[in-house]
Protein backbone atom coordinates (compact mmCIF):
# COMPACT_ATOMS: atom_id res chain seq x y z
CA MET A 1 1.34 26.81 -5.38
CA SER A 2 4.28 27.47 -7.77
CA GLY A 3 4.12 26.87 -11.02
CA VAL A 4 8.09 25.79 -11.24
CA LEU A 5 8.59 22.39 -12.58
CA VAL A 6 10.42 20.17 -10.03
CA LEU A 7 10.48 16.79 -11.55
CA ARG A 8 9.67 15.79 -15.01
CA THR A 9 10.05 12.97 -17.32
CA GLU A 10 10.04 12.85 -21.17
CA LYS A 11 9.33 9.40 -22.77
CA ILE A 12 10.44 7.38 -19.97
CA THR A 13 10.51 3.52 -21.00
CA LYS A 14 10.95 0.35 -19.04
CA ARG A 15 10.96 -3.02 -20.52
CA PHE A 16 11.37 -6.58 -18.58
CA GLY A 17 12.07 -8.86 -21.45
CA ASP A 18 9.23 -8.60 -24.19
CA PHE A 19 7.11 -6.63 -21.20
CA LEU A 20 6.63 -3.04 -21.48
CA ALA A 21 6.09 -1.89 -17.94
CA VAL A 22 6.59 1.76 -18.80
CA ASP A 23 5.82 2.83 -22.04
CA ARG A 24 7.07 6.73 -23.01
CA VAL A 25 5.98 8.51 -20.25
CA ASP A 26 5.79 12.18 -20.14
CA PHE A 27 5.19 13.55 -16.44
CA ALA A 28 5.86 16.79 -14.31
CA ILE A 29 5.27 17.87 -10.89
CA HIS A 30 5.28 21.08 -9.76
CA ARG A 31 6.80 22.81 -6.32
CA ASN A 32 4.60 22.14 -3.73
CA GLU A 33 2.08 20.40 -5.41
CA THR A 34 0.73 16.96 -4.09
CA VAL A 35 0.09 14.42 -6.98
CA GLY A 36 -1.34 10.96 -6.95
CA ILE A 37 -1.14 8.07 -9.30
CA ILE A 38 -3.40 5.40 -9.67
CA GLY A 39 -3.78 2.21 -11.82
CA PRO A 40 -4.89 -1.55 -11.82
CA ASN A 41 -2.26 -3.95 -10.55
CA GLY A 42 0.49 -4.39 -13.32
CA ALA A 43 -0.03 -0.72 -14.63
CA GLY A 44 3.60 -0.04 -14.42
CA LYS A 45 3.18 2.72 -11.06
CA THR A 46 5.56 1.35 -8.81
CA THR A 47 7.95 0.47 -11.73
CA PHE A 48 7.71 4.44 -12.74
CA LEU A 49 8.58 5.53 -9.13
CA ASN A 50 11.45 3.27 -9.33
CA LEU A 51 12.55 5.02 -12.43
CA LEU A 52 12.04 8.45 -10.94
CA THR A 53 14.09 7.50 -7.79
CA GLY A 54 16.85 5.93 -9.62
CA LEU A 55 16.10 2.19 -8.41
CA TYR A 56 15.89 1.13 -11.80
CA PRO A 57 17.84 2.47 -15.33
CA PRO A 58 15.41 3.55 -17.77
CA ASP A 59 15.82 1.97 -21.34
CA GLY A 60 14.95 5.00 -22.88
CA GLY A 61 13.66 8.48 -22.34
CA SER A 62 15.01 11.11 -19.70
CA VAL A 63 14.64 12.37 -16.11
CA PHE A 64 15.03 15.72 -14.85
CA HIS A 65 14.99 17.53 -11.60
CA GLU A 66 14.72 21.39 -11.50
CA GLY A 67 16.07 21.58 -15.09
CA ARG A 68 18.96 19.15 -14.87
CA GLU A 69 19.24 15.82 -16.48
CA ILE A 70 19.40 13.11 -13.70
CA THR A 71 18.70 9.87 -15.70
CA ARG A 72 21.53 8.02 -15.11
CA ASP A 73 22.23 9.60 -11.44
CA SER A 74 22.30 6.74 -8.98
CA PRO A 75 19.73 6.90 -6.12
CA GLU A 76 22.26 8.25 -3.54
CA LYS A 77 22.93 11.08 -5.81
CA ARG A 78 18.84 11.73 -6.14
CA VAL A 79 19.05 11.71 -2.45
CA ALA A 80 21.58 14.01 -2.06
CA ARG A 81 19.36 16.33 -4.36
CA GLY A 82 16.23 15.74 -1.88
CA ILE A 83 14.55 13.25 -4.07
CA ILE A 84 13.39 11.01 -1.23
CA ARG A 85 11.28 7.75 -1.36
CA THR A 86 9.37 5.73 1.10
CA PHE A 87 8.26 2.20 0.29
CA GLN A 88 5.06 -0.23 0.57
CA LEU A 89 6.96 -2.28 3.44
CA VAL A 90 7.62 0.32 6.09
CA ARG A 91 11.03 0.78 6.37
CA VAL A 92 12.33 1.68 10.04
CA PHE A 93 14.74 0.48 12.57
CA ASP A 94 13.03 -1.96 14.76
CA ASN A 95 15.58 -2.08 17.22
CA LEU A 96 16.13 1.58 18.05
CA SER A 97 13.61 4.09 19.32
CA VAL A 98 11.56 6.45 17.76
CA TYR A 99 13.51 9.35 18.82
CA GLU A 100 16.90 7.62 17.65
CA ASN A 101 15.15 6.80 14.14
CA MET A 102 14.25 10.41 13.57
CA ALA A 103 17.37 11.89 14.96
CA LEU A 104 19.47 9.49 12.69
CA SER A 105 17.51 10.71 9.83
CA PHE A 106 18.03 14.31 10.44
CA TYR A 107 21.74 13.70 11.13
CA ARG A 108 22.20 11.80 7.84
CA LYS A 109 20.67 14.67 5.83
CA GLN A 110 22.82 17.34 7.85
CA SER A 111 25.97 15.42 7.44
CA ASN A 112 25.39 13.86 4.21
CA SER A 113 26.82 10.55 5.54
CA ALA A 114 26.16 7.87 8.18
CA LEU A 115 27.33 8.17 11.86
CA PRO A 116 30.87 7.80 12.85
CA PRO A 117 31.67 4.38 14.30
CA GLY A 118 31.24 4.75 18.16
CA MET A 119 29.50 8.12 17.97
CA PHE A 120 26.10 6.80 17.88
CA ILE A 121 24.45 8.19 21.05
CA SER A 122 26.42 11.05 21.48
CA SER A 123 25.77 12.45 18.00
CA LEU A 124 22.07 12.13 18.15
CA ASN A 125 21.71 13.85 21.21
CA GLY A 126 23.32 17.08 20.18
CA ARG A 127 21.10 20.15 21.02
CA LYS A 128 20.36 21.18 17.35
CA ILE A 129 19.41 17.52 16.21
CA ARG A 130 17.14 17.40 19.61
CA LYS A 131 15.60 20.44 18.92
CA GLN A 132 14.70 19.58 15.31
CA THR A 133 13.51 15.89 16.26
CA ASP A 134 11.45 16.92 19.08
CA GLU A 135 9.86 19.47 17.04
CA THR A 136 9.19 16.99 14.27
CA LEU A 137 7.83 14.14 16.58
CA GLU A 138 5.12 16.76 17.92
CA LEU A 139 4.13 17.67 14.52
CA PHE A 140 3.66 14.14 13.49
CA GLU A 141 1.62 13.42 16.41
CA LEU A 142 4.39 10.85 17.81
CA GLY A 143 6.13 12.73 20.61
CA HIS A 144 4.44 10.75 23.33
CA LEU A 145 6.00 7.68 21.92
CA SER A 146 9.54 9.16 21.46
CA ALA A 147 11.41 6.52 23.79
CA GLU A 148 9.41 3.79 22.44
CA MET A 149 10.99 1.31 20.46
CA ALA A 150 9.94 1.58 17.07
CA GLY A 151 9.54 -2.41 16.49
CA THR A 152 6.59 -2.18 19.12
CA LEU A 153 4.53 0.52 17.28
CA SER A 154 1.31 -0.22 15.61
CA LEU A 155 1.50 -0.05 11.73
CA GLY A 156 0.09 3.22 11.47
CA SER A 157 2.53 4.81 14.10
CA LYS A 158 5.07 3.09 12.05
CA ARG A 159 4.03 4.58 8.96
CA ARG A 160 3.58 8.09 10.43
CA LEU A 161 7.18 7.38 11.69
CA GLU A 162 8.58 6.71 8.38
CA ILE A 163 6.80 9.81 6.59
CA ALA A 164 8.08 12.04 9.60
CA MET A 165 11.72 10.53 8.90
CA ALA A 166 11.39 11.78 5.44
CA PHE A 167 10.02 15.12 6.34
CA ILE A 168 12.82 15.63 8.53
CA ALA A 169 15.38 15.46 5.92
CA ASP A 170 13.85 18.38 4.22
CA PRO A 171 13.12 16.69 0.69
CA ALA A 172 12.83 18.63 -2.52
CA VAL A 173 10.40 15.48 -3.38
CA LEU A 174 8.79 13.11 -1.28
CA ALA A 175 7.69 9.73 -3.25
CA LEU A 176 5.48 7.31 -1.61
CA ASP A 177 4.50 4.09 -2.34
CA GLU A 178 1.40 3.05 -1.04
CA PRO A 179 1.27 4.62 2.08
CA PHE A 180 -1.86 3.06 3.37
CA ALA A 181 -1.08 -0.03 2.57
CA GLY A 182 -2.26 -2.49 5.55
CA LEU A 183 -3.83 0.13 7.28
CA GLY A 184 -7.03 0.13 8.82
CA ASP A 185 -9.59 3.22 8.48
CA LEU A 186 -8.46 4.76 11.74
CA GLU A 187 -4.76 4.59 11.00
CA ILE A 188 -5.43 5.81 7.27
CA GLU A 189 -6.81 8.98 8.65
CA GLU A 190 -3.91 9.69 10.95
CA VAL A 191 -1.59 9.49 7.98
CA ILE A 192 -4.28 11.73 6.05
CA ARG A 193 -3.97 14.40 8.93
CA VAL A 194 -0.23 14.28 8.30
CA PHE A 195 -0.66 14.95 4.61
CA GLN A 196 -3.09 17.63 5.04
CA ARG A 197 -1.09 19.63 7.86
CA TYR A 198 1.79 19.86 5.08
CA SER A 199 -0.55 20.63 2.10
CA HIS A 200 1.35 22.95 -0.42
CA GLN A 201 4.73 22.87 2.19
CA LYS A 202 6.41 20.11 0.43
CA THR A 203 6.12 18.51 -3.09
CA ILE A 204 4.89 15.06 -2.65
CA LEU A 205 4.06 12.12 -5.16
CA VAL A 206 1.93 9.40 -3.88
CA VAL A 207 1.16 5.92 -5.53
CA GLU A 208 -1.75 4.43 -4.18
CA HIS A 209 -4.57 1.73 -4.59
CA LYS A 210 -7.01 3.52 -2.18
CA ILE A 211 -8.62 6.01 -4.92
CA SER A 212 -10.93 7.22 -2.52
CA LYS A 213 -8.32 8.31 0.29
CA LEU A 214 -6.65 10.33 -1.97
CA LEU A 215 -9.27 12.51 -3.22
CA GLY A 216 -8.81 14.55 -0.07
CA ILE A 217 -5.14 15.24 -0.12
CA VAL A 218 -4.18 15.54 -3.78
CA ASP A 219 -4.09 18.29 -6.15
CA ARG A 220 -3.88 16.45 -9.36
CA LEU A 221 -4.31 12.64 -10.01
CA ALA A 222 -2.69 10.60 -12.95
CA VAL A 223 -3.96 7.28 -13.80
CA MET A 224 -1.24 4.85 -15.47
CA HIS A 225 -2.67 1.80 -17.64
CA GLU A 226 -0.56 -0.51 -19.18
CA GLY A 227 2.48 1.17 -18.69
CA ARG A 228 1.01 4.63 -19.84
CA VAL A 229 -0.47 7.74 -18.47
CA ILE A 230 -4.13 7.65 -19.57
CA ALA A 231 -5.34 10.54 -17.94
CA SER A 232 -4.26 13.40 -15.82
CA GLY A 233 -5.97 16.52 -14.12
CA LEU A 234 -7.82 17.64 -11.22
CA PRO A 235 -9.12 14.53 -9.31
CA LYS A 236 -12.89 14.15 -9.92
CA GLU A 237 -12.50 15.55 -13.66
CA THR A 238 -9.69 12.85 -14.16
CA LEU A 239 -11.95 9.89 -12.44
CA GLN A 240 -14.84 10.97 -14.97
CA ASP A 241 -12.55 10.53 -17.92
CA ALA A 242 -13.94 7.85 -20.56
CA GLU A 243 -10.85 5.75 -20.80
CA VAL A 244 -10.62 5.77 -16.83
CA ARG A 245 -14.23 4.75 -16.36
CA ARG A 246 -13.55 2.10 -19.01
CA VAL A 247 -10.02 0.64 -17.47
CA TYR A 248 -11.69 0.65 -13.75
CA TRP A 249 -15.40 0.46 -14.19
CA LYS A 250 -15.61 -1.15 -17.57
CA VAL A 251 -18.28 1.58 -18.41
């Protein structure tokens, strides 16, 4: 794992009226590192992710990507820089096939634009797109579902498809917001296998409630409480931190 800093915040802050949702957070993630962020409901995890990906403007502090300040960059500009985000609710096109969803994501990355009107089918069936799409579907164990409409998939398969769509866009940073939300244990295991397959090949940030499921896939764990990062480090050591134990287990 490289020591190169990919994404960093300095004193990043977000208020909603009188409520301080993110409180002067200093944070960094290194190239090809997988970092998990946990915390009680209302701790500021998703708000912090929104600040990183440009969905919210901060009220103070700065965000840097590979040494360049991107604090005021739009979400679109951050996507162009390779900062790609998935959401708590699966966001795929239900009326398109699994293949078409994947190919569209690859096309957008390559062309840095949406598809031209009237060119949908022909544009998604070019040799380069088909090769990359078919290979990625196989890697994510979705090849047998290539022709299926995305709207017919199980939630676990949809989640894998959403993550695969992000991966095929070759992100510099992949930010995932509760990737295990709504999934059963078997479906979670399917998603975990994806993470383990790409361990240390991508820079990944995961916000999640299911702590036990994160332990096998993250290099580092950060804990948020009342808008602040109260602990960060190796997962098991972080969970034994006195402040973390007080916040989570009242001990």
